[in-house]
C-alpha cells in the first residue's frame, strides 16, 4: 500500500508518504500441524505527530488478540519504519491425541511467536518530545513475545500463556 498526505487539502497540516507491505501464508506441515506466518514492513517519510506514525498494536486486556502484541502496552512503541513477524503453529492434536482423555476432549496445542523491530528519525523524536522531556520510543533492539496455548476448549475457548522476551524493564510488573 502507498498513502500520501496532501498538505493544505481539506485543512490538513502535514505532507507525508507511507509505504506498507504485508504477506500472510499458511503452511501445512503434516503430521506436525499447520503454521500461519505473517510478515509486515512499513516506512513513513515526513515529520509527523505520533498518531500519524506507526503505533505498535498493544493489548492491555486479558483477552488474547491475534494481531496485537499481548504483553505490550498501548502506545508503548511508535516507529516511522518497522518490520514485524507473527508465527502461529497449530499442532492439531499431535501431542494431546496420545492421551485418551485429552483426545476425547479434542483439545489442540498452539505455539505463537511474534516480534517487531523499528526506528524513528531524529526529526520525529524531536517533534514528539513533550515539554517535560517525555519522548516516544521505537523498539530499536526488537520487541519479542512467545506463547503456548490450548484451543478448542468447549469448542470455542482458547487459553494461552505468553512471555515477553525483550524490553522487560518497561513492563508495569517491573515497577
N, C-alpha and C. Protein backbone atom coordinates (compact mmCIF):
# COMPACT_ATOMS: atom_id res chain seq x y z
N UNK A 1 0.83 -1.18 0.00
CA UNK A 1 0.00 0.00 0.00
C UNK A 1 0.87 1.24 0.00
N UNK A 2 0.36 2.27 -0.58
CA UNK A 2 1.02 3.57 -0.58
C UNK A 2 -0.01 4.62 -0.19
N UNK A 3 0.37 5.53 0.69
CA UNK A 3 -0.51 6.63 1.09
C UNK A 3 0.26 7.93 0.98
N UNK A 4 -0.46 8.97 0.63
CA UNK A 4 0.15 10.30 0.53
C UNK A 4 -0.71 11.29 1.29
N UNK A 5 -0.09 12.04 2.18
CA UNK A 5 -0.79 13.09 2.91
C UNK A 5 -0.61 14.39 2.16
N UNK A 6 -1.70 14.94 1.66
CA UNK A 6 -1.65 16.16 0.84
C UNK A 6 -1.73 17.37 1.77
N UNK A 7 -0.70 18.24 1.76
CA UNK A 7 -0.74 19.40 2.64
C UNK A 7 -1.79 20.41 2.17
N UNK A 8 -2.43 21.08 3.14
CA UNK A 8 -3.44 22.12 2.88
C UNK A 8 -4.65 21.61 2.13
N UNK A 9 -4.88 20.31 2.09
CA UNK A 9 -6.06 19.75 1.45
C UNK A 9 -7.10 19.45 2.53
N UNK A 10 -8.22 20.10 2.47
CA UNK A 10 -9.29 19.96 3.46
C UNK A 10 -8.79 20.23 4.88
N UNK A 11 -7.90 21.19 5.00
CA UNK A 11 -7.41 21.61 6.31
C UNK A 11 -6.27 20.78 6.87
N UNK A 12 -5.66 19.93 6.07
CA UNK A 12 -4.57 19.10 6.59
C UNK A 12 -3.31 19.95 6.79
N UNK A 13 -2.51 19.55 7.76
CA UNK A 13 -1.31 20.30 8.12
C UNK A 13 -0.01 19.63 7.69
N UNK A 14 -0.05 18.35 7.32
CA UNK A 14 1.19 17.60 7.13
C UNK A 14 1.25 16.97 5.74
N UNK A 15 2.47 16.92 5.22
CA UNK A 15 2.73 16.19 3.99
C UNK A 15 3.57 14.98 4.35
N UNK A 16 3.16 13.83 3.88
CA UNK A 16 3.91 12.61 4.18
C UNK A 16 3.64 11.56 3.12
N UNK A 17 4.51 10.59 3.08
CA UNK A 17 4.37 9.40 2.23
C UNK A 17 4.49 8.18 3.14
N UNK A 18 3.61 7.21 2.95
CA UNK A 18 3.68 5.96 3.71
C UNK A 18 3.67 4.80 2.73
N UNK A 19 4.57 3.85 3.00
CA UNK A 19 4.65 2.62 2.21
C UNK A 19 4.49 1.46 3.18
N UNK A 20 3.65 0.50 2.82
CA UNK A 20 3.39 -0.67 3.66
C UNK A 20 3.33 -1.91 2.77
N UNK A 21 3.93 -3.00 3.24
CA UNK A 21 3.83 -4.29 2.54
C UNK A 21 3.56 -5.36 3.59
N UNK A 22 2.65 -6.26 3.27
CA UNK A 22 2.31 -7.34 4.18
C UNK A 22 2.14 -8.65 3.42
N UNK A 23 2.40 -9.74 4.11
CA UNK A 23 2.36 -11.06 3.50
C UNK A 23 1.88 -12.06 4.54
N UNK A 24 0.87 -12.85 4.22
CA UNK A 24 0.39 -13.91 5.10
C UNK A 24 0.34 -15.21 4.33
N UNK A 25 0.89 -16.26 4.91
CA UNK A 25 0.95 -17.55 4.22
C UNK A 25 0.74 -18.68 5.22
N UNK A 26 -0.26 -19.54 5.00
CA UNK A 26 -0.37 -20.75 5.82
C UNK A 26 0.52 -21.85 5.25
N UNK A 27 1.10 -22.64 6.12
CA UNK A 27 1.95 -23.76 5.73
C UNK A 27 1.40 -25.03 6.36
N UNK A 28 1.10 -26.02 5.56
CA UNK A 28 0.70 -27.32 6.08
C UNK A 28 1.95 -28.15 6.27
N UNK A 29 2.11 -28.70 7.46
CA UNK A 29 3.32 -29.47 7.79
C UNK A 29 2.93 -30.83 8.36
N UNK A 30 2.28 -31.69 7.56
CA UNK A 30 1.86 -32.98 8.10
C UNK A 30 3.07 -33.81 8.51
N UNK A 31 3.03 -34.51 9.58
CA UNK A 31 1.95 -34.70 10.56
C UNK A 31 2.03 -33.71 11.71
N UNK A 32 2.82 -32.64 11.58
CA UNK A 32 3.08 -31.72 12.69
C UNK A 32 2.07 -30.59 12.79
N UNK A 33 1.09 -30.52 11.92
CA UNK A 33 0.08 -29.48 12.00
C UNK A 33 0.22 -28.45 10.91
N UNK A 34 -0.15 -27.22 11.24
CA UNK A 34 -0.06 -26.14 10.26
C UNK A 34 0.43 -24.87 10.94
N UNK A 35 1.13 -24.06 10.18
CA UNK A 35 1.63 -22.78 10.65
C UNK A 35 1.03 -21.66 9.81
N UNK A 36 0.89 -20.51 10.43
CA UNK A 36 0.45 -19.31 9.72
C UNK A 36 1.50 -18.24 9.98
N UNK A 37 2.14 -17.76 8.93
CA UNK A 37 3.20 -16.76 9.04
C UNK A 37 2.71 -15.46 8.43
N UNK A 38 2.89 -14.37 9.17
CA UNK A 38 2.57 -13.04 8.67
C UNK A 38 3.82 -12.18 8.79
N UNK A 39 4.22 -11.55 7.69
CA UNK A 39 5.35 -10.62 7.67
C UNK A 39 4.83 -9.26 7.24
N UNK A 40 5.30 -8.19 7.88
CA UNK A 40 4.90 -6.84 7.53
C UNK A 40 6.10 -5.92 7.61
N UNK A 41 6.08 -4.87 6.81
CA UNK A 41 7.11 -3.83 6.86
C UNK A 41 6.48 -2.53 6.39
N UNK A 42 6.97 -1.43 6.94
CA UNK A 42 6.44 -0.14 6.54
C UNK A 42 7.42 0.97 6.81
N UNK A 43 7.24 2.07 6.08
CA UNK A 43 8.08 3.25 6.25
C UNK A 43 7.23 4.48 6.02
N UNK A 44 7.44 5.48 6.87
CA UNK A 44 6.77 6.76 6.75
C UNK A 44 7.81 7.82 6.50
N UNK A 45 7.62 8.60 5.46
CA UNK A 45 8.53 9.70 5.12
C UNK A 45 7.86 11.00 5.52
N UNK A 46 8.53 11.79 6.32
CA UNK A 46 7.99 13.07 6.76
C UNK A 46 8.05 13.19 8.27
N UNK A 47 7.96 14.41 8.76
CA UNK A 47 7.95 14.68 10.19
C UNK A 47 6.50 14.86 10.61
N UNK A 48 6.05 13.97 11.51
CA UNK A 48 4.63 13.90 11.84
C UNK A 48 4.41 13.75 13.34
N UNK A 49 3.22 14.14 13.84
CA UNK A 49 2.88 13.83 15.23
C UNK A 49 2.66 12.31 15.37
N UNK A 50 2.87 11.79 16.57
CA UNK A 50 2.86 10.34 16.75
C UNK A 50 1.59 9.63 16.29
N UNK A 51 0.38 10.23 16.36
CA UNK A 51 -0.78 9.46 15.87
C UNK A 51 -0.73 9.15 14.37
N UNK A 52 0.05 9.90 13.61
CA UNK A 52 0.16 9.64 12.18
C UNK A 52 1.32 8.71 11.85
N UNK A 53 2.17 8.40 12.83
CA UNK A 53 3.23 7.43 12.64
C UNK A 53 2.66 6.03 12.85
N UNK A 54 3.48 5.01 12.81
CA UNK A 54 3.03 3.64 13.03
C UNK A 54 3.11 3.32 14.52
N UNK A 55 1.97 3.16 15.16
CA UNK A 55 1.91 2.82 16.58
C UNK A 55 1.75 1.30 16.67
N UNK A 56 2.68 0.66 17.36
CA UNK A 56 2.62 -0.80 17.51
C UNK A 56 1.34 -1.18 18.25
N UNK A 57 0.61 -2.19 17.76
CA UNK A 57 -0.66 -2.55 18.38
C UNK A 57 -0.46 -3.32 19.69
N UNK A 58 -0.60 -2.62 20.79
CA UNK A 58 -0.51 -3.23 22.10
C UNK A 58 -1.86 -3.76 22.54
N UNK A 59 -1.86 -4.46 23.66
CA UNK A 59 -3.10 -5.06 24.17
C UNK A 59 -3.06 -5.01 25.69
N UNK A 60 -3.85 -4.14 26.30
CA UNK A 60 -3.89 -4.03 27.75
C UNK A 60 -5.00 -4.86 28.38
N UNK A 61 -5.63 -5.73 27.62
CA UNK A 61 -6.71 -6.55 28.15
C UNK A 61 -6.18 -7.94 28.49
N UNK A 62 -7.03 -8.75 29.10
CA UNK A 62 -6.67 -10.14 29.39
C UNK A 62 -7.06 -11.06 28.24
N UNK A 63 -7.75 -10.54 27.26
CA UNK A 63 -8.17 -11.35 26.12
C UNK A 63 -7.02 -11.44 25.11
N UNK A 64 -6.86 -12.59 24.51
CA UNK A 64 -5.83 -12.80 23.50
C UNK A 64 -6.25 -12.10 22.21
N UNK A 65 -5.33 -11.37 21.61
CA UNK A 65 -5.59 -10.69 20.35
C UNK A 65 -4.57 -11.20 19.33
N UNK A 66 -5.03 -11.83 18.29
CA UNK A 66 -4.15 -12.48 17.32
C UNK A 66 -3.20 -11.51 16.63
N UNK A 67 -3.63 -10.31 16.34
CA UNK A 67 -2.80 -9.37 15.57
C UNK A 67 -2.26 -8.23 16.42
N UNK A 68 -2.20 -8.42 17.73
CA UNK A 68 -1.61 -7.44 18.64
C UNK A 68 -0.50 -8.10 19.43
N UNK A 69 0.31 -7.25 20.05
CA UNK A 69 1.33 -7.74 20.96
C UNK A 69 0.68 -7.79 22.34
N UNK A 70 0.45 -8.99 22.84
CA UNK A 70 -0.40 -9.17 24.00
C UNK A 70 0.20 -8.70 25.32
N UNK A 71 1.50 -8.52 25.40
CA UNK A 71 2.12 -8.02 26.63
C UNK A 71 2.67 -6.61 26.47
N UNK A 72 2.35 -5.96 25.38
CA UNK A 72 2.78 -4.60 25.11
C UNK A 72 1.65 -3.65 25.51
N UNK A 73 2.00 -2.54 26.14
CA UNK A 73 1.01 -1.54 26.50
C UNK A 73 0.60 -0.73 25.27
N UNK A 74 -0.57 -0.12 25.33
CA UNK A 74 -0.99 0.79 24.27
C UNK A 74 0.02 1.93 24.18
N UNK A 75 0.37 2.32 22.99
CA UNK A 75 1.27 3.46 22.71
C UNK A 75 2.67 3.28 23.29
N UNK A 76 3.08 2.05 23.57
CA UNK A 76 4.41 1.84 24.13
C UNK A 76 5.50 2.09 23.10
N UNK A 77 5.26 1.68 21.86
CA UNK A 77 6.26 1.87 20.80
C UNK A 77 5.63 2.55 19.60
N UNK A 78 6.37 3.47 19.03
CA UNK A 78 5.96 4.18 17.82
C UNK A 78 7.15 4.18 16.88
N UNK A 79 6.91 3.98 15.59
CA UNK A 79 8.00 3.93 14.63
C UNK A 79 7.65 4.71 13.38
N UNK A 80 8.69 5.07 12.63
CA UNK A 80 8.43 5.57 11.28
C UNK A 80 8.98 4.60 10.24
N UNK A 81 9.69 3.58 10.68
CA UNK A 81 9.99 2.43 9.82
C UNK A 81 10.10 1.20 10.70
N UNK A 82 9.54 0.08 10.20
CA UNK A 82 9.46 -1.11 11.03
C UNK A 82 9.37 -2.36 10.15
N UNK A 83 9.67 -3.48 10.78
CA UNK A 83 9.42 -4.81 10.20
C UNK A 83 8.91 -5.69 11.34
N UNK A 84 7.95 -6.56 11.03
CA UNK A 84 7.39 -7.41 12.07
C UNK A 84 7.06 -8.79 11.52
N UNK A 85 6.95 -9.74 12.44
CA UNK A 85 6.53 -11.09 12.07
C UNK A 85 5.56 -11.61 13.11
N UNK A 86 4.73 -12.53 12.69
CA UNK A 86 3.78 -13.21 13.58
C UNK A 86 3.70 -14.65 13.08
N UNK A 87 4.09 -15.59 13.93
CA UNK A 87 4.05 -17.01 13.59
C UNK A 87 3.16 -17.71 14.60
N UNK A 88 2.19 -18.45 14.09
CA UNK A 88 1.29 -19.23 14.94
C UNK A 88 1.28 -20.65 14.40
N UNK A 89 1.61 -21.62 15.27
CA UNK A 89 1.64 -23.01 14.84
C UNK A 89 0.58 -23.79 15.60
N UNK A 90 -0.29 -24.47 14.87
CA UNK A 90 -1.35 -25.30 15.43
C UNK A 90 -0.94 -26.77 15.25
N UNK A 91 -0.78 -27.49 16.34
CA UNK A 91 -0.36 -28.88 16.27
C UNK A 91 -1.53 -29.83 15.98
N UNK A 92 -2.75 -29.33 15.99
CA UNK A 92 -3.98 -30.08 15.70
C UNK A 92 -4.00 -31.46 16.37
N UNK A 93 -3.60 -31.50 17.65
CA UNK A 93 -3.71 -32.73 18.42
C UNK A 93 -2.51 -33.65 18.36
N UNK A 94 -1.39 -33.21 17.83
CA UNK A 94 -0.20 -34.07 17.70
C UNK A 94 0.20 -34.69 19.05
N UNK A 95 0.16 -33.92 20.12
CA UNK A 95 0.55 -34.42 21.43
C UNK A 95 -0.67 -34.86 22.25
N UNK A 96 -1.70 -34.04 22.27
CA UNK A 96 -2.87 -34.35 23.10
C UNK A 96 -3.62 -35.59 22.63
N UNK A 97 -3.55 -35.92 21.36
CA UNK A 97 -4.24 -37.11 20.86
C UNK A 97 -3.60 -38.41 21.38
N UNK A 98 -2.42 -38.33 21.96
CA UNK A 98 -1.75 -39.50 22.53
C UNK A 98 -2.28 -39.82 23.93
N UNK A 99 -3.03 -38.88 24.52
CA UNK A 99 -3.57 -39.04 25.87
C UNK A 99 -5.08 -39.26 25.73
N UNK A 100 -5.60 -40.43 26.11
CA UNK A 100 -7.01 -40.76 25.83
C UNK A 100 -8.02 -39.71 26.29
N UNK A 101 -7.91 -39.19 27.50
CA UNK A 101 -8.87 -38.21 27.99
C UNK A 101 -8.82 -36.93 27.14
N UNK A 102 -7.62 -36.45 26.85
CA UNK A 102 -7.49 -35.23 26.05
C UNK A 102 -7.95 -35.45 24.62
N UNK A 103 -7.76 -36.66 24.10
CA UNK A 103 -8.25 -36.96 22.75
C UNK A 103 -9.77 -36.85 22.70
N UNK A 104 -10.43 -37.34 23.74
CA UNK A 104 -11.91 -37.26 23.79
C UNK A 104 -12.38 -35.82 23.93
N UNK A 105 -11.61 -34.98 24.63
CA UNK A 105 -11.97 -33.57 24.77
C UNK A 105 -11.71 -32.78 23.49
N UNK A 106 -10.84 -33.31 22.61
CA UNK A 106 -10.47 -32.67 21.34
C UNK A 106 -9.78 -31.31 21.53
N UNK A 107 -9.00 -31.21 22.61
CA UNK A 107 -8.20 -30.01 22.81
C UNK A 107 -7.04 -30.03 21.84
N UNK A 108 -6.55 -28.85 21.46
CA UNK A 108 -5.46 -28.72 20.50
C UNK A 108 -4.37 -27.80 21.04
N UNK A 109 -3.13 -28.07 20.66
CA UNK A 109 -1.97 -27.32 21.13
C UNK A 109 -1.63 -26.22 20.13
N UNK A 110 -1.14 -25.09 20.68
CA UNK A 110 -0.77 -23.93 19.84
C UNK A 110 0.53 -23.33 20.37
N UNK A 111 1.41 -22.94 19.48
CA UNK A 111 2.61 -22.15 19.81
C UNK A 111 2.53 -20.84 19.04
N UNK A 112 2.94 -19.74 19.68
CA UNK A 112 2.96 -18.45 19.00
C UNK A 112 4.30 -17.77 19.22
N UNK A 113 4.69 -16.98 18.25
CA UNK A 113 5.88 -16.13 18.36
C UNK A 113 5.62 -14.90 17.50
N UNK A 114 5.92 -13.74 18.05
CA UNK A 114 5.76 -12.51 17.27
C UNK A 114 6.82 -11.53 17.71
N UNK A 115 7.15 -10.65 16.79
CA UNK A 115 8.18 -9.66 17.09
C UNK A 115 8.12 -8.49 16.16
N UNK A 116 8.83 -7.44 16.56
CA UNK A 116 8.85 -6.20 15.79
C UNK A 116 10.15 -5.49 16.06
N UNK A 117 10.69 -4.88 15.04
CA UNK A 117 11.86 -4.02 15.18
C UNK A 117 11.58 -2.77 14.37
N UNK A 118 12.00 -1.63 14.89
CA UNK A 118 11.72 -0.39 14.18
C UNK A 118 12.60 0.74 14.68
N UNK A 119 12.44 1.88 14.04
CA UNK A 119 13.23 3.04 14.42
C UNK A 119 12.44 4.31 14.17
N UNK A 120 12.97 5.40 14.69
CA UNK A 120 12.41 6.73 14.50
C UNK A 120 13.52 7.67 14.04
N UNK A 121 13.20 8.58 13.17
CA UNK A 121 14.17 9.58 12.77
C UNK A 121 14.33 10.59 13.90
N UNK A 122 15.47 11.27 13.92
CA UNK A 122 15.71 12.29 14.94
C UNK A 122 14.66 13.41 14.85
N UNK A 123 14.21 13.72 13.65
CA UNK A 123 13.21 14.77 13.47
C UNK A 123 11.89 14.39 14.13
N UNK A 124 11.46 13.14 13.97
CA UNK A 124 10.20 12.70 14.59
C UNK A 124 10.32 12.61 16.11
N UNK A 125 11.49 12.23 16.62
CA UNK A 125 11.69 12.19 18.06
C UNK A 125 11.61 13.61 18.62
N UNK A 126 12.30 14.55 17.98
CA UNK A 126 12.29 15.94 18.46
C UNK A 126 10.89 16.54 18.36
N UNK A 127 10.18 16.26 17.29
CA UNK A 127 8.84 16.81 17.07
C UNK A 127 7.85 16.28 18.11
N UNK A 128 8.05 15.07 18.60
CA UNK A 128 7.11 14.43 19.52
C UNK A 128 7.58 14.41 20.97
N UNK A 129 8.62 15.14 21.30
CA UNK A 129 9.08 15.23 22.68
C UNK A 129 8.29 16.32 23.39
N UNK A 130 7.72 15.99 24.54
CA UNK A 130 6.90 16.96 25.27
C UNK A 130 7.79 17.91 26.05
N UNK A 131 7.17 18.94 26.62
CA UNK A 131 7.93 19.96 27.37
C UNK A 131 8.61 19.38 28.61
N UNK A 132 8.04 18.32 29.18
CA UNK A 132 8.66 17.72 30.36
C UNK A 132 9.73 16.69 30.00
N UNK A 133 10.04 16.55 28.71
CA UNK A 133 11.12 15.67 28.28
C UNK A 133 10.71 14.27 27.89
N UNK A 134 9.42 13.93 28.02
CA UNK A 134 8.96 12.61 27.62
C UNK A 134 8.94 12.50 26.10
N UNK A 135 9.50 11.42 25.60
CA UNK A 135 9.57 11.23 24.15
C UNK A 135 9.01 9.86 23.80
N UNK A 136 8.58 9.73 22.57
CA UNK A 136 8.15 8.42 22.09
C UNK A 136 9.38 7.56 21.88
N UNK A 137 9.19 6.24 21.88
CA UNK A 137 10.33 5.35 21.66
C UNK A 137 9.97 4.28 20.65
N UNK A 138 10.99 3.79 19.97
CA UNK A 138 10.84 2.72 18.99
C UNK A 138 11.54 1.47 19.52
N UNK A 139 11.09 0.29 19.09
CA UNK A 139 11.75 -0.96 19.53
C UNK A 139 13.02 -1.21 18.71
N UNK A 140 14.04 -0.39 18.92
CA UNK A 140 15.26 -0.49 18.13
C UNK A 140 16.02 -1.80 18.36
N UNK A 141 15.87 -2.39 19.55
CA UNK A 141 16.52 -3.67 19.84
C UNK A 141 15.62 -4.85 19.54
N UNK A 142 14.41 -4.58 19.11
CA UNK A 142 13.45 -5.64 18.79
C UNK A 142 12.59 -6.00 19.98
N UNK A 143 11.30 -6.05 19.77
CA UNK A 143 10.35 -6.49 20.78
C UNK A 143 9.89 -7.88 20.38
N UNK A 144 9.92 -8.83 21.33
CA UNK A 144 9.56 -10.21 21.02
C UNK A 144 8.71 -10.78 22.15
N UNK A 145 7.75 -11.63 21.77
CA UNK A 145 6.99 -12.39 22.75
C UNK A 145 6.65 -13.76 22.17
N UNK A 146 6.58 -14.76 23.05
CA UNK A 146 6.26 -16.13 22.64
C UNK A 146 5.18 -16.67 23.57
N UNK A 147 4.49 -17.69 23.10
CA UNK A 147 3.43 -18.25 23.93
C UNK A 147 3.10 -19.68 23.56
N UNK A 148 2.47 -20.36 24.50
CA UNK A 148 1.92 -21.69 24.29
C UNK A 148 0.46 -21.63 24.70
N UNK A 149 -0.35 -22.45 24.06
CA UNK A 149 -1.76 -22.40 24.39
C UNK A 149 -2.48 -23.69 24.10
N UNK A 150 -3.71 -23.74 24.59
CA UNK A 150 -4.62 -24.85 24.34
C UNK A 150 -5.88 -24.23 23.76
N UNK A 151 -6.31 -24.74 22.60
CA UNK A 151 -7.52 -24.22 21.98
C UNK A 151 -8.56 -25.33 21.86
N UNK A 152 -9.74 -24.94 21.46
CA UNK A 152 -10.87 -25.85 21.27
C UNK A 152 -11.42 -26.34 22.61
N UNK A 153 -11.26 -25.56 23.66
CA UNK A 153 -11.84 -25.90 24.96
C UNK A 153 -13.32 -25.52 24.89
N UNK A 154 -14.19 -26.46 25.10
CA UNK A 154 -15.63 -26.28 24.94
C UNK A 154 -15.97 -25.78 23.53
N UNK A 155 -15.15 -26.12 22.56
CA UNK A 155 -15.34 -25.81 21.13
C UNK A 155 -15.13 -24.34 20.76
N UNK A 156 -14.88 -23.45 21.73
CA UNK A 156 -14.72 -22.04 21.37
C UNK A 156 -13.67 -21.29 22.19
N UNK A 157 -13.19 -21.86 23.28
CA UNK A 157 -12.30 -21.16 24.19
C UNK A 157 -10.84 -21.53 23.93
N UNK A 158 -9.99 -20.55 24.11
CA UNK A 158 -8.54 -20.75 23.97
C UNK A 158 -7.85 -20.11 25.16
N UNK A 159 -6.89 -20.82 25.75
CA UNK A 159 -6.13 -20.31 26.89
C UNK A 159 -4.66 -20.31 26.50
N UNK A 160 -4.00 -19.16 26.69
CA UNK A 160 -2.60 -19.01 26.31
C UNK A 160 -1.77 -18.53 27.49
N UNK A 161 -0.53 -18.95 27.53
CA UNK A 161 0.49 -18.40 28.44
C UNK A 161 1.50 -17.71 27.54
N UNK A 162 1.74 -16.42 27.79
CA UNK A 162 2.59 -15.62 26.90
C UNK A 162 3.71 -15.01 27.72
N UNK A 163 4.92 -14.99 27.15
CA UNK A 163 6.09 -14.43 27.79
C UNK A 163 6.68 -13.33 26.92
N UNK A 164 7.00 -12.22 27.55
CA UNK A 164 7.68 -11.11 26.90
C UNK A 164 9.17 -11.36 27.01
N UNK A 165 9.90 -11.30 25.89
CA UNK A 165 11.32 -11.64 25.88
C UNK A 165 12.25 -10.45 25.84
N UNK A 166 11.74 -9.27 25.54
CA UNK A 166 12.59 -8.09 25.45
C UNK A 166 11.88 -6.88 26.04
N UNK A 167 12.65 -5.83 26.32
CA UNK A 167 12.12 -4.63 26.97
C UNK A 167 11.39 -5.00 28.27
N UNK A 168 12.01 -5.85 29.05
CA UNK A 168 11.39 -6.30 30.29
C UNK A 168 11.30 -5.19 31.33
N UNK A 169 12.21 -4.23 31.28
CA UNK A 169 12.19 -3.13 32.26
C UNK A 169 11.03 -2.18 32.02
N UNK A 170 10.37 -2.25 30.87
CA UNK A 170 9.28 -1.34 30.55
C UNK A 170 7.92 -1.87 30.95
N UNK A 171 7.86 -3.08 31.46
CA UNK A 171 6.56 -3.66 31.81
C UNK A 171 6.07 -3.09 33.13
N UNK A 172 4.77 -2.96 33.33
CA UNK A 172 4.24 -2.48 34.61
C UNK A 172 4.63 -3.36 35.79
N UNK A 173 4.85 -4.67 35.55
CA UNK A 173 5.21 -5.57 36.63
C UNK A 173 6.62 -5.32 37.14
N UNK A 174 7.47 -4.68 36.32
CA UNK A 174 8.85 -4.42 36.73
C UNK A 174 8.94 -3.21 37.67
N UNK A 175 7.91 -2.39 37.72
CA UNK A 175 7.95 -1.17 38.55
C UNK A 175 7.56 -1.44 39.98
